[in-house]
């Protein structure tokens, strides 16, 4: 039977103290050189050392688990976000407990309470946007909570999201330069922070860049006929003007693309289209869609970094808003 490798053997092989190995395993890299970290990582891999996380958590009263709650795990945004979170947690020696709410506020509340019962050290939430009061109550406790992509109005949590205002201005400038004189914004119901902020950015872009009245089309019903009807309303309302649609997220973009195909409308000749989220399929449709590339992976990574700061350095630091730059990728549809 293979002998279990101990932390003492790892320390001897790496030529460092047991305390240094312990600090490495606990993600405490202060005063530790990059060479030392890399050497310890190599030795751990060579020896096949596997820490006894249960014993460690009982001794230290730490679970070394971060809870993650996403609103739609089937969305490419969520899968990329989760990869960023998982990769970064692994670097710090943390595991991840993932749950999916399907945009159900009750599930979100239940999962948060369940994670607290399981002694997670922190929770990263892509909130439904309908639990602000509940989140405020949870925020008064000792377990740090960080918001990913979707904020709440009161600034009491660290929030990591995309910088939607500057990229929306850039989209408006691009559409104007391409000769589009009417731009409609298509969005799901305005019931979460990300959509509300993007709505404000769109309205500002209409005023500051396009000098037109905003035209917001809310996609309450995603059935084929309902989406086609919404698109036709936008077309009919703007007559002979050169028209373009800008979407609030990748889900809306996909519904619009399907509707345009069924209606026989071609981009960019009949109608311009700029989507939000650079999902893999967007470069394959009709010569490629012009899109805003949201930094989903970076949002996940930065959320974990901020969580580690809260856990290991300053739990009571003032909340920070971190906005990450988006990229406009111009393709055939505009």
Protein backbone atom coordinates (compact mmCIF):
# COMPACT_ATOMS: atom_id res chain seq x y z
CA UNK A 1 0.00 0.00 0.00
CA UNK A 2 1.34 3.42 -0.96
CA UNK A 3 2.52 5.50 1.98
CA UNK A 4 0.85 8.87 2.56
CA UNK A 5 3.26 11.77 2.03
CA UNK A 6 3.47 14.17 4.98
CA UNK A 7 3.96 17.92 5.06
CA UNK A 8 7.36 17.34 6.73
CA UNK A 9 8.56 15.32 3.72
CA UNK A 10 7.37 18.06 1.35
CA UNK A 11 9.26 20.68 3.38
CA UNK A 12 12.48 18.60 3.39
CA UNK A 13 12.32 17.96 -0.35
CA UNK A 14 11.63 21.65 -1.11
CA UNK A 15 14.33 22.81 1.29
CA UNK A 16 12.00 25.06 3.26
CA UNK A 17 10.35 24.98 6.67
CA UNK A 18 7.12 23.17 7.52
CA UNK A 19 5.67 26.60 8.32
CA UNK A 20 6.43 27.83 4.80
CA UNK A 21 4.63 24.83 3.29
CA UNK A 22 1.68 25.44 5.59
CA UNK A 23 1.54 29.10 4.56
CA UNK A 24 1.66 28.07 0.90
CA UNK A 25 -1.20 25.61 1.33
CA UNK A 26 -3.24 28.29 3.08
CA UNK A 27 -2.73 30.81 0.29
CA UNK A 28 -0.59 33.12 2.43
CA UNK A 29 1.99 34.16 -0.14
CA UNK A 30 3.22 37.35 1.55
CA UNK A 31 7.03 37.48 1.75
CA UNK A 32 7.24 34.35 -0.45
CA UNK A 33 9.17 34.66 -3.70
CA UNK A 34 7.81 33.43 -7.02
CA UNK A 35 10.70 30.93 -7.22
CA UNK A 36 9.76 29.49 -3.83
CA UNK A 37 6.10 29.15 -4.80
CA UNK A 38 7.00 27.40 -8.06
CA UNK A 39 9.46 25.05 -6.32
CA UNK A 40 6.90 24.09 -3.67
CA UNK A 41 4.28 23.47 -6.35
CA UNK A 42 6.72 21.20 -8.26
CA UNK A 43 7.60 19.20 -5.14
CA UNK A 44 3.94 18.75 -4.20
CA UNK A 45 3.25 17.42 -7.69
CA UNK A 46 6.34 15.16 -7.76
CA UNK A 47 5.56 13.59 -4.39
CA UNK A 48 1.84 13.42 -5.02
CA UNK A 49 1.16 15.17 -1.73
CA UNK A 50 -2.52 15.55 -0.92
CA UNK A 51 -3.43 17.69 2.12
CA UNK A 52 -6.01 16.29 4.52
CA UNK A 53 -8.52 19.09 4.06
CA UNK A 54 -10.94 17.75 6.66
CA UNK A 55 -8.24 17.68 9.34
CA UNK A 56 -7.01 21.10 8.27
CA UNK A 57 -10.48 22.60 8.41
CA UNK A 58 -11.19 21.14 11.86
CA UNK A 59 -7.87 22.43 13.18
CA UNK A 60 -8.03 25.86 11.60
CA UNK A 61 -11.82 26.23 11.70
CA UNK A 62 -11.64 26.97 7.96
CA UNK A 63 -13.37 24.94 5.26
CA UNK A 64 -11.26 26.32 2.39
CA UNK A 65 -14.44 26.29 0.27
CA UNK A 66 -15.88 29.26 -1.62
CA UNK A 67 -19.58 29.12 -2.46
CA UNK A 68 -20.62 30.31 -5.92
CA UNK A 69 -24.20 31.03 -6.95
CA UNK A 70 -25.01 31.73 -10.61
CA UNK A 71 -28.36 32.72 -12.05
CA UNK A 72 -28.19 30.59 -15.23
CA UNK A 73 -25.57 27.86 -15.40
CA UNK A 74 -26.58 27.07 -18.99
CA UNK A 75 -25.42 30.49 -20.17
CA UNK A 76 -21.93 30.70 -21.74
CA UNK A 77 -21.38 33.77 -19.55
CA UNK A 78 -21.80 31.62 -16.45
CA UNK A 79 -19.56 28.81 -17.68
CA UNK A 80 -16.73 31.24 -18.48
CA UNK A 81 -17.27 33.09 -15.18
CA UNK A 82 -17.11 29.78 -13.30
CA UNK A 83 -13.89 28.81 -15.07
CA UNK A 84 -12.30 32.08 -13.94
CA UNK A 85 -13.47 31.47 -10.37
CA UNK A 86 -12.38 27.83 -10.32
CA UNK A 87 -8.95 28.47 -11.83
CA UNK A 88 -8.20 31.27 -9.39
CA UNK A 89 -9.53 29.37 -6.35
CA UNK A 90 -7.26 26.45 -7.26
CA UNK A 91 -4.24 28.77 -7.21
CA UNK A 92 -5.12 29.77 -3.65
CA UNK A 93 -5.78 26.21 -2.51
CA UNK A 94 -9.56 26.60 -2.29
CA UNK A 95 -12.35 24.38 -3.51
CA UNK A 96 -15.59 25.63 -5.06
CA UNK A 97 -19.21 24.77 -4.24
CA UNK A 98 -21.40 25.74 -7.22
CA UNK A 99 -25.19 26.15 -7.33
CA UNK A 100 -27.60 27.41 -9.99
CA UNK A 101 -30.76 29.41 -9.25
CA UNK A 102 -32.36 29.55 -12.71
CA UNK A 103 -33.07 33.20 -11.86
CA UNK A 104 -35.29 32.06 -8.98
CA UNK A 105 -34.93 34.42 -5.98
CA UNK A 106 -36.15 31.80 -3.47
CA UNK A 107 -33.52 29.34 -4.65
CA UNK A 108 -30.90 32.06 -4.27
CA UNK A 109 -31.91 32.67 -0.64
CA UNK A 110 -32.04 28.94 0.13
CA UNK A 111 -28.62 28.27 -1.41
CA UNK A 112 -26.99 31.12 0.49
CA UNK A 113 -28.35 29.83 3.81
CA UNK A 114 -27.30 26.28 2.92
CA UNK A 115 -23.78 27.43 2.09
CA UNK A 116 -23.52 29.27 5.40
CA UNK A 117 -24.57 26.05 7.16
CA UNK A 118 -21.78 24.24 5.30
CA UNK A 119 -19.24 26.75 6.62
CA UNK A 120 -18.05 28.16 3.31
CA UNK A 121 -15.48 30.92 3.83
CA UNK A 122 -17.10 33.29 1.35
CA UNK A 123 -19.85 33.47 -1.26
CA UNK A 124 -19.67 34.87 -4.79
CA UNK A 125 -23.15 35.67 -6.12
CA UNK A 126 -24.42 36.40 -9.62
CA UNK A 127 -27.68 37.58 -8.10
CA UNK A 128 -31.17 37.38 -9.55
CA UNK A 129 -31.56 41.05 -8.64
CA UNK A 130 -34.62 40.38 -6.50
CA UNK A 131 -33.05 39.71 -3.10
CA UNK A 132 -31.47 43.04 -2.20
CA UNK A 133 -32.90 43.21 1.35
CA UNK A 134 -31.91 39.60 2.03
CA UNK A 135 -28.37 40.19 0.76
CA UNK A 136 -28.06 43.26 2.99
CA UNK A 137 -28.93 41.12 6.02
CA UNK A 138 -26.42 38.43 5.03
CA UNK A 139 -23.81 41.14 4.50
CA UNK A 140 -23.97 42.03 8.20
CA UNK A 141 -22.55 38.62 9.11
CA UNK A 142 -18.97 37.35 9.20
CA UNK A 143 -18.88 35.56 5.84
CA UNK A 144 -17.79 37.87 3.00
CA UNK A 145 -20.13 38.14 0.04
CA UNK A 146 -19.02 39.42 -3.37
CA UNK A 147 -21.27 40.27 -6.33
CA UNK A 148 -20.27 39.18 -9.83
CA UNK A 149 -21.67 41.10 -12.83
CA UNK A 150 -24.93 42.10 -11.16
CA UNK A 151 -24.84 44.82 -8.50
CA UNK A 152 -27.40 46.00 -5.98
CA UNK A 153 -28.23 49.66 -5.50
CA UNK A 154 -26.69 50.03 -2.04
CA UNK A 155 -22.90 49.88 -2.25
CA UNK A 156 -22.20 47.55 0.68
CA UNK A 157 -20.51 44.70 -1.22
CA UNK A 158 -17.45 44.36 -3.38
CA UNK A 159 -18.81 44.20 -6.93
CA UNK A 160 -16.95 42.99 -10.02
CA UNK A 161 -18.61 43.80 -13.34
CA UNK A 162 -17.99 44.93 -16.90
CA UNK A 163 -17.59 48.64 -17.67
CA UNK A 164 -20.84 48.98 -19.61
CA UNK A 165 -21.02 52.75 -20.05
CA UNK A 166 -17.80 53.33 -22.06
CA UNK A 167 -18.37 50.32 -24.31
CA UNK A 168 -21.95 51.41 -25.05
CA UNK A 169 -20.68 54.84 -26.07
CA UNK A 170 -18.15 53.09 -28.32
CA UNK A 171 -20.91 50.95 -29.88
CA UNK A 172 -22.98 54.08 -30.56
CA UNK A 173 -20.02 55.81 -32.20
CA UNK A 174 -19.40 52.75 -34.38
CA UNK A 175 -23.04 52.51 -35.48
CA UNK A 176 -23.16 56.22 -36.22
CA UNK A 177 -19.97 55.98 -38.29
CA UNK A 178 -21.53 53.10 -40.26
CA UNK A 179 -24.50 55.29 -41.14
CA UNK A 180 -27.18 53.88 -38.83
CA UNK A 181 -29.61 56.62 -37.80
CA UNK A 182 -31.96 54.65 -35.54
CA UNK A 183 -30.81 52.21 -32.87
CA UNK A 184 -33.23 50.07 -30.88
CA UNK A 185 -32.18 48.32 -27.69
CA UNK A 186 -33.60 44.84 -27.05
CA UNK A 187 -33.53 43.48 -23.50
CA UNK A 188 -35.18 41.06 -21.11
CA UNK A 189 -37.21 42.58 -18.22
CA UNK A 190 -35.23 45.23 -16.33
CA UNK A 191 -35.14 43.33 -13.04
CA UNK A 192 -31.44 43.03 -12.28
CA UNK A 193 -28.53 45.42 -11.83
CA UNK A 194 -26.67 44.56 -15.04
CA UNK A 195 -29.67 45.23 -17.29
CA UNK A 196 -30.55 48.44 -15.45
CA UNK A 197 -27.00 49.77 -15.83
CA UNK A 198 -26.87 48.84 -19.51
CA UNK A 199 -30.20 50.57 -20.01
CA UNK A 200 -28.80 53.76 -18.48
CA UNK A 201 -25.74 53.49 -20.72
CA UNK A 202 -27.89 53.04 -23.83
CA UNK A 203 -30.05 56.06 -22.96
CA UNK A 204 -26.91 58.14 -22.40
CA UNK A 205 -25.44 57.01 -25.73
CA UNK A 206 -28.64 58.00 -27.56
CA UNK A 207 -28.42 61.47 -26.05
CA UNK A 208 -24.66 62.08 -26.20
CA UNK A 209 -23.65 60.34 -29.43
CA UNK A 210 -26.61 59.44 -31.62
CA UNK A 211 -28.81 62.45 -30.76
CA UNK A 212 -31.96 60.35 -31.05
CA UNK A 213 -34.77 59.27 -28.75
CA UNK A 214 -34.12 55.91 -27.05
CA UNK A 215 -36.19 52.99 -28.30
CA UNK A 216 -36.31 50.19 -25.74
CA UNK A 217 -37.95 46.87 -26.61
CA UNK A 218 -38.48 44.59 -23.61
CA UNK A 219 -38.60 40.90 -24.44
CA UNK A 220 -41.20 39.67 -21.96
CA UNK A 221 -42.06 36.70 -24.17
CA UNK A 222 -39.29 34.81 -25.99
CA UNK A 223 -41.54 32.75 -28.24
CA UNK A 224 -40.77 32.94 -31.97
CA UNK A 225 -43.87 34.95 -32.85
CA UNK A 226 -43.42 37.38 -29.96
CA UNK A 227 -39.80 38.15 -30.85
CA UNK A 228 -40.64 38.58 -34.54
CA UNK A 229 -43.47 40.94 -33.60
CA UNK A 230 -41.09 43.03 -31.48
CA UNK A 231 -38.55 43.26 -34.31
CA UNK A 232 -41.28 44.22 -36.77
CA UNK A 233 -42.50 46.95 -34.41
CA UNK A 234 -39.02 48.46 -34.43
CA UNK A 235 -38.81 48.28 -38.22
CA UNK A 236 -42.26 49.79 -38.75
CA UNK A 237 -41.63 52.59 -36.24
CA UNK A 238 -38.59 53.83 -38.13
CA UNK A 239 -39.69 53.79 -41.76
CA UNK A 240 -36.92 54.43 -44.26
CA UNK A 241 -34.28 55.30 -41.65
CA UNK A 242 -31.18 53.09 -41.54
CA UNK A 243 -31.85 50.88 -38.53
CA UNK A 244 -29.73 48.80 -36.14
CA UNK A 245 -30.50 46.63 -33.13
CA UNK A 246 -28.26 46.56 -30.06
CA UNK A 247 -28.88 43.76 -27.55
CA UNK A 248 -28.42 43.59 -23.78
CA UNK A 249 -26.90 40.10 -23.60
CA UNK A 250 -26.14 36.93 -25.53
CA UNK A 251 -29.51 35.31 -24.82
CA UNK A 252 -31.33 38.23 -26.45
CA UNK A 253 -28.86 38.24 -29.34
CA UNK A 254 -29.60 34.59 -30.11
CA UNK A 255 -33.36 35.19 -30.16
CA UNK A 256 -32.92 38.20 -32.46
CA UNK A 257 -30.67 36.24 -34.86
CA UNK A 258 -33.23 33.44 -35.11
CA UNK A 259 -36.06 35.94 -35.68
CA UNK A 260 -34.16 37.76 -38.44
CA UNK A 261 -33.42 34.47 -40.20
CA UNK A 262 -37.08 33.44 -40.10
CA UNK A 263 -38.15 36.88 -41.34
CA UNK A 264 -35.65 36.86 -44.22
CA UNK A 265 -33.89 40.00 -42.94
CA UNK A 266 -30.20 40.28 -43.81
CA UNK A 267 -27.48 42.07 -41.85
CA UNK A 268 -26.18 44.67 -42.41
CA UNK A 269 -28.06 45.57 -45.62
CA UNK A 270 -31.59 45.35 -44.21
CA UNK A 271 -30.76 45.89 -40.56
CA UNK A 272 -27.61 46.28 -38.46
CA UNK A 273 -27.06 44.09 -35.41
CA UNK A 274 -24.63 44.46 -32.52
CA UNK A 275 -24.82 41.85 -29.78
CA UNK A 276 -23.56 41.78 -26.19
CA UNK A 277 -21.30 38.80 -25.28
CA UNK A 278 -18.81 37.27 -27.69
CA UNK A 279 -20.07 33.70 -27.51
CA UNK A 280 -18.49 31.14 -29.84
CA UNK A 281 -21.37 30.94 -32.29
CA UNK A 282 -21.46 34.70 -32.96
CA UNK A 283 -18.53 34.55 -35.40
CA UNK A 284 -20.24 31.79 -37.41
CA UNK A 285 -23.52 33.56 -38.20
CA UNK A 286 -23.89 35.42 -41.52
CA UNK A 287 -20.24 36.33 -41.86
CA UNK A 288 -19.99 37.07 -38.14
CA UNK A 289 -21.84 39.32 -35.71
CA UNK A 290 -20.45 42.55 -34.35
CA UNK A 291 -20.38 42.06 -30.59
CA UNK A 292 -19.26 43.45 -27.27
CA UNK A 293 -16.84 40.98 -25.66
CA UNK A 294 -17.53 40.95 -21.93
CA UNK A 295 -14.53 39.95 -19.73
CA UNK A 296 -16.40 37.06 -18.08
CA UNK A 297 -13.29 35.06 -17.13
CA UNK A 298 -11.62 38.12 -15.62
CA UNK A 299 -14.76 38.94 -13.62
CA UNK A 300 -14.54 35.49 -12.01
CA UNK A 301 -10.82 35.79 -11.39
CA UNK A 302 -11.04 39.26 -9.85
CA UNK A 303 -13.96 38.18 -7.64
CA UNK A 304 -11.76 35.46 -6.14
CA UNK A 305 -8.82 37.82 -5.65
CA UNK A 306 -11.06 40.22 -3.80
CA UNK A 307 -12.46 37.34 -1.74
CA UNK A 308 -8.94 36.29 -0.72
CA UNK A 309 -8.25 39.88 0.34
CA UNK A 310 -11.37 39.83 2.51
CA UNK A 311 -10.60 36.44 4.06
CA UNK A 312 -6.89 36.80 4.69
CA UNK A 313 -6.21 40.51 5.03
CA UNK A 314 -9.09 42.86 5.82
CA UNK A 315 -12.63 41.59 6.25
CA UNK A 316 -13.89 45.06 7.18
CA UNK A 317 -12.38 47.07 4.31
CA UNK A 318 -14.67 49.50 2.50
CA UNK A 319 -16.50 47.86 -0.43
CA UNK A 320 -15.00 48.35 -3.87
CA UNK A 321 -16.56 48.55 -7.32
CA UNK A 322 -14.22 47.03 -9.91
CA UNK A 323 -15.25 47.61 -13.53
CA UNK A 324 -13.39 45.68 -16.22
CA UNK A 325 -12.98 46.92 -19.77
CA UNK A 326 -15.02 45.37 -22.60
CA UNK A 327 -13.93 45.08 -26.24
CA UNK A 328 -15.92 45.90 -29.38
CA UNK A 329 -15.36 43.24 -32.04
CA UNK A 330 -16.52 44.51 -35.43
CA UNK A 331 -17.73 41.91 -37.92
CA UNK A 332 -20.09 41.70 -40.88
CA UNK A 333 -23.43 42.47 -39.18
CA UNK A 334 -22.74 46.22 -38.96
